[in-house]
Amino acid sequence: MNIYQDTVQGINPHIKEQDILSIKPYWKMEGFYVVKACIELINELSEKERDIFLDSISDKWLFFGETSNEALTSVTMEGCKFIKNGVYMVNIEFDN
């Protein structure tokens, strides 16, 4: 849980409400967990605010979706030189 809180720290001032939906062991690797959360923001992040938040987690992201509304990073991603301590992978879906 501390890793989750440290990961979302970069957007704390923007959070209106957050709910931890589940915490489950990651089926592929022992000792790893998947935290699924829903975070409602006070206002939509600007592109600059979003990038600052993502850069606080990792220096390498892939974007998916028609409007690039899904971002993925992983410690195994080619070109990833920094990822927040204790984090193996992050997948974020931004809803508008």
PDB file of N, CA and C in Angstrom:
ATOM      1  N   MET A   1       0.825  -1.195   0.000  1.00  0.00           N
ATOM      2  CA  MET A   1       0.000   0.000   0.000  1.00  0.00           C
ATOM      3  C   MET A   1       0.868   1.257   0.000  1.00  0.00           C
ATOM      4  N   ASN A   2       2.012   1.209   0.679  1.00  0.00           N
ATOM      5  CA  ASN A   2       2.907   2.352   0.680  1.00  0.00           C
ATOM      6  C   ASN A   2       3.425   2.668  -0.714  1.00  0.00           C
ATOM      7  N   ILE A   3       3.674   1.620  -1.514  1.00  0.00           N
ATOM      8  CA  ILE A   3       4.144   1.835  -2.886  1.00  0.00           C
ATOM      9  C   ILE A   3       3.071   2.537  -3.696  1.00  0.00           C
ATOM     10  N   TYR A   4       1.813   2.137  -3.533  1.00  0.00           N
ATOM     11  CA  TYR A   4       0.707   2.806  -4.230  1.00  0.00           C
ATOM     12  C   TYR A   4       0.644   4.279  -3.839  1.00  0.00           C
ATOM     13  N   GLN A   5       0.674   4.559  -2.546  1.00  0.00           N
ATOM     14  CA  GLN A   5       0.586   5.943  -2.073  1.00  0.00           C
ATOM     15  C   GLN A   5       1.754   6.782  -2.584  1.00  0.00           C
ATOM     16  N   ASP A   6       2.943   6.195  -2.607  1.00  0.00           N
ATOM     17  CA  ASP A   6       4.107   6.910  -3.123  1.00  0.00           C
ATOM     18  C   ASP A   6       3.965   7.171  -4.618  1.00  0.00           C
ATOM     19  N   THR A   7       3.364   6.231  -5.329  1.00  0.00           N
ATOM     20  CA  THR A   7       3.200   6.362  -6.775  1.00  0.00           C
ATOM     21  C   THR A   7       2.225   7.481  -7.142  1.00  0.00           C
ATOM     22  N   VAL A   8       1.131   7.620  -6.402  1.00  0.00           N
ATOM     23  CA  VAL A   8       0.136   8.651  -6.732  1.00  0.00           C
ATOM     24  C   VAL A   8       0.430   9.995  -6.057  1.00  0.00           C
ATOM     25  N   GLN A   9       1.485  10.055  -5.290  1.00  0.00           N
ATOM     26  CA  GLN A   9       1.834  11.282  -4.568  1.00  0.00           C
ATOM     27  C   GLN A   9       1.901  12.506  -5.485  1.00  0.00           C
ATOM     28  N   GLY A  10       2.353  12.317  -6.716  1.00  0.00           N
ATOM     29  CA  GLY A  10       2.500  13.429  -7.647  1.00  0.00           C
ATOM     30  C   GLY A  10       1.200  14.113  -8.035  1.00  0.00           C
ATOM     31  N   ILE A  11       0.067  13.460  -7.808  1.00  0.00           N
ATOM     32  CA  ILE A  11      -1.214  14.101  -8.147  1.00  0.00           C
ATOM     33  C   ILE A  11      -2.085  14.352  -6.920  1.00  0.00           C
ATOM     34  N   ASN A  12      -1.540  14.132  -5.723  1.00  0.00           N
ATOM     35  CA  ASN A  12      -2.333  14.335  -4.507  1.00  0.00           C
ATOM     36  C   ASN A  12      -3.095  15.656  -4.472  1.00  0.00           C
ATOM     37  N   PRO A  13      -2.491  16.788  -4.853  1.00  0.00           N
ATOM     38  CA  PRO A  13      -3.249  18.040  -4.798  1.00  0.00           C
ATOM     39  C   PRO A  13      -4.465  18.071  -5.730  1.00  0.00           C
ATOM     40  N   HIS A  14      -4.475  17.176  -6.721  1.00  0.00           N
ATOM     41  CA  HIS A  14      -5.553  17.155  -7.714  1.00  0.00           C
ATOM     42  C   HIS A  14      -6.643  16.137  -7.391  1.00  0.00           C
ATOM     43  N   ILE A  15      -6.418  15.296  -6.376  1.00  0.00           N
ATOM     44  CA  ILE A  15      -7.353  14.204  -6.088  1.00  0.00           C
ATOM     45  C   ILE A  15      -8.571  14.700  -5.319  1.00  0.00           C
ATOM     46  N   LYS A  16      -9.739  14.404  -5.889  1.00  0.00           N
ATOM     47  CA  LYS A  16     -11.004  14.697  -5.221  1.00  0.00           C
ATOM     48  C   LYS A  16     -11.409  13.499  -4.370  1.00  0.00           C
ATOM     49  N   GLU A  17     -11.264  12.302  -4.962  1.00  0.00           N
ATOM     50  CA  GLU A  17     -11.688  11.077  -4.299  1.00  0.00           C
ATOM     51  C   GLU A  17     -10.889   9.916  -4.880  1.00  0.00           C
ATOM     52  N   GLN A  18     -10.536   8.947  -4.021  1.00  0.00           N
ATOM     53  CA  GLN A  18      -9.889   7.744  -4.537  1.00  0.00           C
ATOM     54  C   GLN A  18     -10.417   6.523  -3.807  1.00  0.00           C
ATOM     55  N   ASP A  19     -10.474   5.434  -4.543  1.00  0.00           N
ATOM     56  CA  ASP A  19     -11.014   4.191  -4.001  1.00  0.00           C
ATOM     57  C   ASP A  19     -10.124   3.044  -4.455  1.00  0.00           C
ATOM     58  N   ILE A  20      -9.596   2.276  -3.512  1.00  0.00           N
ATOM     59  CA  ILE A  20      -8.839   1.074  -3.844  1.00  0.00           C
ATOM     60  C   ILE A  20      -9.861  -0.018  -4.142  1.00  0.00           C
ATOM     61  N   LEU A  21      -9.913  -0.465  -5.375  1.00  0.00           N
ATOM     62  CA  LEU A  21     -10.898  -1.452  -5.794  1.00  0.00           C
ATOM     63  C   LEU A  21     -10.465  -2.871  -5.436  1.00  0.00           C
ATOM     64  N   SER A  22      -9.165  -3.140  -5.562  1.00  0.00           N
ATOM     65  CA  SER A  22      -8.673  -4.474  -5.214  1.00  0.00           C
ATOM     66  C   SER A  22      -7.155  -4.458  -5.055  1.00  0.00           C
ATOM     67  N   ILE A  23      -6.683  -5.388  -4.240  1.00  0.00           N
ATOM     68  CA  ILE A  23      -5.253  -5.674  -4.107  1.00  0.00           C
ATOM     69  C   ILE A  23      -5.135  -7.187  -4.168  1.00  0.00           C
ATOM     70  N   LYS A  24      -4.491  -7.671  -5.235  1.00  0.00           N
ATOM     71  CA  LYS A  24      -4.402  -9.115  -5.451  1.00  0.00           C
ATOM     72  C   LYS A  24      -2.972  -9.497  -5.808  1.00  0.00           C
ATOM     73  N   PRO A  25      -2.557 -10.704  -5.419  1.00  0.00           N
ATOM     74  CA  PRO A  25      -1.237 -11.182  -5.855  1.00  0.00           C
ATOM     75  C   PRO A  25      -1.188 -11.243  -7.384  1.00  0.00           C
ATOM     76  N   TYR A  26      -0.039 -10.876  -7.948  1.00  0.00           N
ATOM     77  CA  TYR A  26       0.161 -10.940  -9.399  1.00  0.00           C
ATOM     78  C   TYR A  26       0.430 -12.393  -9.768  1.00  0.00           C
ATOM     79  N   TRP A  27      -0.395 -12.964 -10.594  1.00  0.00           N
ATOM     80  CA  TRP A  27      -0.348 -14.389 -10.890  1.00  0.00           C
ATOM     81  C   TRP A  27       0.944 -14.828 -11.580  1.00  0.00           C
ATOM     82  N   LYS A  28       1.656 -13.906 -12.218  1.00  0.00           N
ATOM     83  CA  LYS A  28       2.866 -14.283 -12.946  1.00  0.00           C
ATOM     84  C   LYS A  28       4.111 -14.334 -12.064  1.00  0.00           C
ATOM     85  N   MET A  29       4.124 -13.557 -10.971  1.00  0.00           N
ATOM     86  CA  MET A  29       5.341 -13.449 -10.182  1.00  0.00           C
ATOM     87  C   MET A  29       5.023 -13.413  -8.693  1.00  0.00           C
ATOM     88  N   GLU A  30       5.687 -14.263  -7.952  1.00  0.00           N
ATOM     89  CA  GLU A  30       5.488 -14.341  -6.512  1.00  0.00           C
ATOM     90  C   GLU A  30       6.034 -13.077  -5.840  1.00  0.00           C
ATOM     91  N   GLY A  31       5.306 -12.580  -4.853  1.00  0.00           N
ATOM     92  CA  GLY A  31       5.744 -11.404  -4.106  1.00  0.00           C
ATOM     93  C   GLY A  31       5.362 -10.078  -4.738  1.00  0.00           C
ATOM     94  N   PHE A  32       4.673 -10.122  -5.887  1.00  0.00           N
ATOM     95  CA  PHE A  32       4.204  -8.914  -6.565  1.00  0.00           C
ATOM     96  C   PHE A  32       2.685  -8.832  -6.440  1.00  0.00           C
ATOM     97  N   TYR A  33       2.167  -7.614  -6.404  1.00  0.00           N
ATOM     98  CA  TYR A  33       0.733  -7.416  -6.252  1.00  0.00           C
ATOM     99  C   TYR A  33       0.209  -6.445  -7.306  1.00  0.00           C
ATOM    100  N   VAL A  34      -1.051  -6.627  -7.653  1.00  0.00           N
ATOM    101  CA  VAL A  34      -1.755  -5.723  -8.557  1.00  0.00           C
ATOM    102  C   VAL A  34      -2.707  -4.896  -7.698  1.00  0.00           C
ATOM    103  N   VAL A  35      -2.549  -3.586  -7.771  1.00  0.00           N
ATOM    104  CA  VAL A  35      -3.449  -2.673  -7.065  1.00  0.00           C
ATOM    105  C   VAL A  35      -4.301  -1.987  -8.121  1.00  0.00           C
ATOM    106  N   LYS A  36      -5.595  -2.169  -8.010  1.00  0.00           N
ATOM    107  CA  LYS A  36      -6.523  -1.522  -8.936  1.00  0.00           C
ATOM    108  C   LYS A  36      -7.239  -0.426  -8.165  1.00  0.00           C
ATOM    109  N   ALA A  37      -7.141   0.800  -8.678  1.00  0.00           N
ATOM    110  CA  ALA A  37      -7.728   1.944  -7.992  1.00  0.00           C
ATOM    111  C   ALA A  37      -8.465   2.832  -8.979  1.00  0.00           C
ATOM    112  N   CYS A  38      -9.444   3.544  -8.465  1.00  0.00           N
ATOM    113  CA  CYS A  38     -10.160   4.557  -9.233  1.00  0.00           C
ATOM    114  C   CYS A  38      -9.899   5.893  -8.545  1.00  0.00           C
ATOM    115  N   ILE A  39      -9.356   6.827  -9.300  1.00  0.00           N
ATOM    116  CA  ILE A  39      -9.034   8.140  -8.746  1.00  0.00           C
ATOM    117  C   ILE A  39      -9.824   9.190  -9.511  1.00  0.00           C
ATOM    118  N   GLU A  40     -10.613   9.960  -8.795  1.00  0.00           N
ATOM    119  CA  GLU A  40     -11.358  11.063  -9.393  1.00  0.00           C
ATOM    120  C   GLU A  40     -10.608  12.347  -9.073  1.00  0.00           C
ATOM    121  N   LEU A  41     -10.331  13.114 -10.100  1.00  0.00           N
ATOM    122  CA  LEU A  41      -9.592  14.366  -9.927  1.00  0.00           C
ATOM    123  C   LEU A  41     -10.549  15.549  -9.830  1.00  0.00           C
ATOM    124  N   ILE A  42     -10.083  16.594  -9.181  1.00  0.00           N
ATOM    125  CA  ILE A  42     -10.863  17.825  -9.061  1.00  0.00           C
ATOM    126  C   ILE A  42     -11.110  18.409 -10.447  1.00  0.00           C
ATOM    127  N   ASN A  43     -10.048  18.498 -11.233  1.00  0.00           N
ATOM    128  CA  ASN A  43     -10.116  18.972 -12.615  1.00  0.00           C
ATOM    129  C   ASN A  43      -9.253  18.060 -13.472  1.00  0.00           C
ATOM    130  N   GLU A  44      -9.539  18.009 -14.753  1.00  0.00           N
ATOM    131  CA  GLU A  44      -8.709  17.241 -15.671  1.00  0.00           C
ATOM    132  C   GLU A  44      -7.297  17.830 -15.677  1.00  0.00           C
ATOM    133  N   LEU A  45      -6.284  16.958 -15.691  1.00  0.00           N
ATOM    134  CA  LEU A  45      -4.907  17.434 -15.741  1.00  0.00           C
ATOM    135  C   LEU A  45      -4.605  18.001 -17.115  1.00  0.00           C
ATOM    136  N   SER A  46      -3.831  19.074 -17.140  1.00  0.00           N
ATOM    137  CA  SER A  46      -3.336  19.572 -18.414  1.00  0.00           C
ATOM    138  C   SER A  46      -2.302  18.572 -18.927  1.00  0.00           C
ATOM    139  N   GLU A  47      -1.928  18.682 -20.176  1.00  0.00           N
ATOM    140  CA  GLU A  47      -0.925  17.775 -20.726  1.00  0.00           C
ATOM    141  C   GLU A  47       0.395  17.912 -19.955  1.00  0.00           C
ATOM    142  N   LYS A  48       0.760  19.132 -19.581  1.00  0.00           N
ATOM    143  CA  LYS A  48       1.990  19.363 -18.823  1.00  0.00           C
ATOM    144  C   LYS A  48       1.910  18.723 -17.434  1.00  0.00           C
ATOM    145  N   GLU A  49       0.773  18.880 -16.740  1.00  0.00           N
ATOM    146  CA  GLU A  49       0.587  18.271 -15.418  1.00  0.00           C
ATOM    147  C   GLU A  49       0.622  16.748 -15.514  1.00  0.00           C
ATOM    148  N   ARG A  50      -0.007  16.210 -16.556  1.00  0.00           N
ATOM    149  CA  ARG A  50      -0.001  14.764 -16.764  1.00  0.00           C
ATOM    150  C   ARG A  50       1.420  14.260 -16.972  1.00  0.00           C
ATOM    151  N   ASP A  51       2.189  14.958 -17.801  1.00  0.00           N
ATOM    152  CA  ASP A  51       3.562  14.539 -18.077  1.00  0.00           C
ATOM    153  C   ASP A  51       4.443  14.629 -16.838  1.00  0.00           C
ATOM    154  N   ILE A  52       4.260  15.660 -16.020  1.00  0.00           N
ATOM    155  CA  ILE A  52       5.024  15.788 -14.774  1.00  0.00           C
ATOM    156  C   ILE A  52       4.695  14.621 -13.852  1.00  0.00           C
ATOM    157  N   PHE A  53       3.410  14.279 -13.745  1.00  0.00           N
ATOM    158  CA  PHE A  53       2.988  13.142 -12.927  1.00  0.00           C
ATOM    159  C   PHE A  53       3.609  11.845 -13.436  1.00  0.00           C
ATOM    160  N   LEU A  54       3.501  11.578 -14.736  1.00  0.00           N
ATOM    161  CA  LEU A  54       4.056  10.349 -15.295  1.00  0.00           C
ATOM    162  C   LEU A  54       5.574  10.294 -15.123  1.00  0.00           C
ATOM    163  N   ASP A  55       6.251  11.428 -15.332  1.00  0.00           N
ATOM    164  CA  ASP A  55       7.710  11.472 -15.174  1.00  0.00           C
ATOM    165  C   ASP A  55       8.138  11.223 -13.734  1.00  0.00           C
ATOM    166  N   SER A  56       7.245  11.477 -12.766  1.00  0.00           N
ATOM    167  CA  SER A  56       7.582  11.196 -11.367  1.00  0.00           C
ATOM    168  C   SER A  56       7.558   9.692 -11.080  1.00  0.00           C
ATOM    169  N   ILE A  57       6.946   8.917 -11.973  1.00  0.00           N
ATOM    170  CA  ILE A  57       6.864   7.464 -11.812  1.00  0.00           C
ATOM    171  C   ILE A  57       7.939   6.767 -12.641  1.00  0.00           C
ATOM    172  N   SER A  58       8.100   7.191 -13.891  1.00  0.00           N
ATOM    173  CA  SER A  58       9.028   6.533 -14.808  1.00  0.00           C
ATOM    174  C   SER A  58       9.442   7.500 -15.910  1.00  0.00           C
ATOM    175  N   ASP A  59      10.581   7.213 -16.518  1.00  0.00           N
ATOM    176  CA  ASP A  59      11.048   8.068 -17.609  1.00  0.00           C
ATOM    177  C   ASP A  59      10.679   7.540 -18.992  1.00  0.00           C
ATOM    178  N   LYS A  60       9.970   6.406 -19.061  1.00  0.00           N
ATOM    179  CA  LYS A  60       9.615   5.824 -20.354  1.00  0.00           C
ATOM    180  C   LYS A  60       8.185   5.300 -20.312  1.00  0.00           C
ATOM    181  N   TRP A  61       7.337   5.799 -21.208  1.00  0.00           N
ATOM    182  CA  TRP A  61       5.932   5.394 -21.269  1.00  0.00           C
ATOM    183  C   TRP A  61       5.549   5.064 -22.701  1.00  0.00           C
ATOM    184  N   LEU A  62       4.654   4.105 -22.862  1.00  0.00           N
ATOM    185  CA  LEU A  62       4.000   3.830 -24.135  1.00  0.00           C
ATOM    186  C   LEU A  62       2.551   4.266 -23.988  1.00  0.00           C
ATOM    187  N   PHE A  63       2.000   4.855 -25.052  1.00  0.00           N
ATOM    188  CA  PHE A  63       0.615   5.328 -25.021  1.00  0.00           C
ATOM    189  C   PHE A  63      -0.214   4.547 -26.028  1.00  0.00           C
ATOM    190  N   PHE A  64      -1.433   4.207 -25.626  1.00  0.00           N
ATOM    191  CA  PHE A  64      -2.352   3.421 -26.450  1.00  0.00           C
ATOM    192  C   PHE A  64      -3.711   4.107 -26.483  1.00  0.00           C
ATOM    193  N   GLY A  65      -4.547   3.621 -27.341  1.00  0.00           N
ATOM    194  CA  GLY A  65      -5.913   4.124 -27.433  1.00  0.00           C
ATOM    195  C   GLY A  65      -6.028   5.183 -28.507  1.00  0.00           C
ATOM    196  N   GLU A  66      -7.256   5.431 -28.906  1.00  0.00           N
ATOM    197  CA  GLU A  66      -7.515   6.405 -29.974  1.00  0.00           C
ATOM    198  C   GLU A  66      -7.025   7.798 -29.609  1.00  0.00           C
ATOM    199  N   THR A  67      -7.155   8.151 -28.340  1.00  0.00           N
ATOM    200  CA  THR A  67      -6.727   9.484 -27.898  1.00  0.00           C
ATOM    201  C   THR A  67      -5.539   9.390 -26.946  1.00  0.00           C
ATOM    202  N   SER A  68      -4.786   8.297 -27.040  1.00  0.00           N
ATOM    203  CA  SER A  68      -3.641   8.047 -26.153  1.00  0.00           C
ATOM    204  C   SER A  68      -4.054   8.167 -24.694  1.00  0.00           C
ATOM    205  N   ASN A  69      -5.211   7.581 -24.365  1.00  0.00           N
ATOM    206  CA  ASN A  69      -5.730   7.695 -23.006  1.00  0.00           C
ATOM    207  C   ASN A  69      -5.252   6.583 -22.080  1.00  0.00           C
ATOM    208  N   GLU A  70      -4.384   5.704 -22.582  1.00  0.00           N
ATOM    209  CA  GLU A  70      -3.829   4.640 -21.745  1.00  0.00           C
ATOM    210  C   GLU A  70      -2.308   4.716 -21.809  1.00  0.00           C
ATOM    211  N   ALA A  71      -1.675   4.687 -20.636  1.00  0.00           N
ATOM    212  CA  ALA A  71      -0.219   4.778 -20.549  1.00  0.00           C
ATOM    213  C   ALA A  71       0.326   3.557 -19.820  1.00  0.00           C
ATOM    214  N   LEU A  72       1.442   3.030 -20.302  1.00  0.00           N
ATOM    215  CA  LEU A  72       2.050   1.831 -19.734  1.00  0.00           C
ATOM    216  C   LEU A  72       3.546   2.044 -19.572  1.00  0.00           C
ATOM    217  N   THR A  73       4.069   1.639 -18.414  1.00  0.00           N
ATOM    218  CA  THR A  73       5.512   1.609 -18.188  1.00  0.00           C
ATOM    219  C   THR A  73       5.858   0.332 -17.442  1.00  0.00           C
ATOM    220  N   SER A  74       7.097  -0.104 -17.608  1.00  0.00           N
ATOM    221  CA  SER A  74       7.557  -1.320 -16.932  1.00  0.00           C
ATOM    222  C   SER A  74       9.072  -1.252 -16.769  1.00  0.00           C
ATOM    223  N   VAL A  75       9.534  -1.872 -15.714  1.00  0.00           N
ATOM    224  CA  VAL A  75      10.969  -1.928 -15.459  1.00  0.00           C
ATOM    225  C   VAL A  75      11.699  -2.654 -16.596  1.00  0.00           C
ATOM    226  N   THR A  76      10.994  -3.509 -17.334  1.00  0.00           N
ATOM    227  CA  THR A  76      11.600  -4.263 -18.435  1.00  0.00           C
ATOM    228  C   THR A  76      11.462  -3.558 -19.785  1.00  0.00           C
ATOM    229  N   MET A  77      10.819  -2.396 -19.813  1.00  0.00           N
ATOM    230  CA  MET A  77      10.594  -1.684 -21.066  1.00  0.00           C
ATOM    231  C   MET A  77      11.923  -1.153 -21.617  1.00  0.00           C
ATOM    232  N   GLU A  78      12.150  -1.384 -22.898  1.00  0.00           N
ATOM    233  CA  GLU A  78      13.377  -0.913 -23.530  1.00  0.00           C
ATOM    234  C   GLU A  78      13.490   0.611 -23.383  1.00  0.00           C
ATOM    235  N   GLY A  79      14.635   1.065 -22.932  1.00  0.00           N
ATOM    236  CA  GLY A  79      14.886   2.495 -22.767  1.00  0.00           C
ATOM    237  C   GLY A  79      14.489   3.048 -21.413  1.00  0.00           C
ATOM    238  N   CYS A  80      13.892   2.224 -20.547  1.00  0.00           N
ATOM    239  CA  CYS A  80      13.498   2.682 -19.217  1.00  0.00           C
ATOM    240  C   CYS A  80      14.736   2.715 -18.324  1.00  0.00           C
ATOM    241  N   LYS A  81      15.101   3.927 -17.899  1.00  0.00           N
ATOM    242  CA  LYS A  81      16.275   4.097 -17.039  1.00  0.00           C
ATOM    243  C   LYS A  81      15.870   4.417 -15.603  1.00  0.00           C
ATOM    244  N   PHE A  82      14.634   4.856 -15.406  1.00  0.00           N
ATOM    245  CA  PHE A  82      14.140   5.202 -14.067  1.00  0.00           C
ATOM    246  C   PHE A  82      12.705   4.728 -13.921  1.00  0.00           C
ATOM    247  N   ILE A  83      12.426   4.061 -12.822  1.00  0.00           N
ATOM    248  CA  ILE A  83      11.056   3.751 -12.424  1.00  0.00           C
ATOM    249  C   ILE A  83      11.028   3.815 -10.902  1.00  0.00           C
ATOM    250  N   LYS A  84       9.951   4.325 -10.363  1.00  0.00           N
ATOM    251  CA  LYS A  84       9.825   4.529  -8.916  1.00  0.00           C
ATOM    252  C   LYS A  84      10.164   3.249  -8.157  1.00  0.00           C
ATOM    253  N   ASN A  85      10.893   3.405  -7.073  1.00  0.00           N
ATOM    254  CA  ASN A  85      11.327   2.282  -6.256  1.00  0.00           C
ATOM    255  C   ASN A  85      10.139   1.416  -5.823  1.00  0.00           C
ATOM    256  N   GLY A  86      10.248   0.107  -6.030  1.00  0.00           N
ATOM    257  CA  GLY A  86       9.204  -0.829  -5.635  1.00  0.00           C
ATOM    258  C   GLY A  86       8.167  -1.082  -6.710  1.00  0.00           C
ATOM    259  N   VAL A  87       8.229  -0.338  -7.803  1.00  0.00           N
ATOM    260  CA  VAL A  87       7.249  -0.479  -8.886  1.00  0.00           C
ATOM    261  C   VAL A  87       7.842  -1.335  -9.997  1.00  0.00           C
ATOM    262  N   TYR A  88       7.077  -2.309 -10.451  1.00  0.00           N
ATOM    263  CA  TYR A  88       7.505  -3.155 -11.561  1.00  0.00           C
ATOM    264  C   TYR A  88       6.821  -2.719 -12.864  1.00  0.00           C
ATOM    265  N   MET A  89       5.520  -2.432 -12.770  1.00  0.00           N
ATOM    266  CA  MET A  89       4.763  -2.040 -13.953  1.00  0.00           C
ATOM    267  C   MET A  89       3.591  -1.166 -13.523  1.00  0.00           C
ATOM    268  N   VAL A  90       3.249  -0.194 -14.366  1.00  0.00           N
ATOM    269  CA  VAL A  90       2.085   0.665 -14.123  1.00  0.00           C
ATOM    270  C   VAL A  90       1.306   0.792 -15.425  1.00  0.00           C
ATOM    271  N   ASN A  91       0.001   0.617 -15.326  1.00  0.00           N
ATOM    272  CA  ASN A  91      -0.903   0.825 -16.447  1.00  0.00           C
ATOM    273  C   ASN A  91      -1.960   1.809 -15.974  1.00  0.00           C
ATOM    274  N   ILE A  92      -2.059   2.945 -16.649  1.00  0.00           N
ATOM    275  CA  ILE A  92      -2.998   3.999 -16.267  1.00  0.00           C
ATOM    276  C   ILE A  92      -3.964   4.252 -17.421  1.00  0.00           C
ATOM    277  N   GLU A  93      -5.240   4.280 -17.110  1.00  0.00           N
ATOM    278  CA  GLU A  93      -6.256   4.671 -18.083  1.00  0.00           C
ATOM    279  C   GLU A  93      -6.836   6.007 -17.644  1.00  0.00           C
ATOM    280  N   PHE A  94      -6.708   7.002 -18.515  1.00  0.00           N
ATOM    281  CA  PHE A  94      -7.260   8.318 -18.244  1.00  0.00           C
ATOM    282  C   PHE A  94      -8.637   8.419 -18.881  1.00  0.00           C
ATOM    283  N   ASP A  95      -9.674   8.605 -18.061  1.00  0.00           N
ATOM    284  CA  ASP A  95     -11.029   8.784 -18.572  1.00  0.00           C
ATOM    285  C   ASP A  95     -11.339  10.268 -18.609  1.00  0.00           C
ATOM    286  N   ASN A  96     -12.001  10.685 -19.649  1.00  0.00           N
ATOM    287  CA  ASN A  96     -12.414  12.100 -19.743  1.00  0.00           C
ATOM    288  C   ASN A  96     -13.860  12.247 -19.352  1.00  0.00           C
TER     289      ASN A  96
END
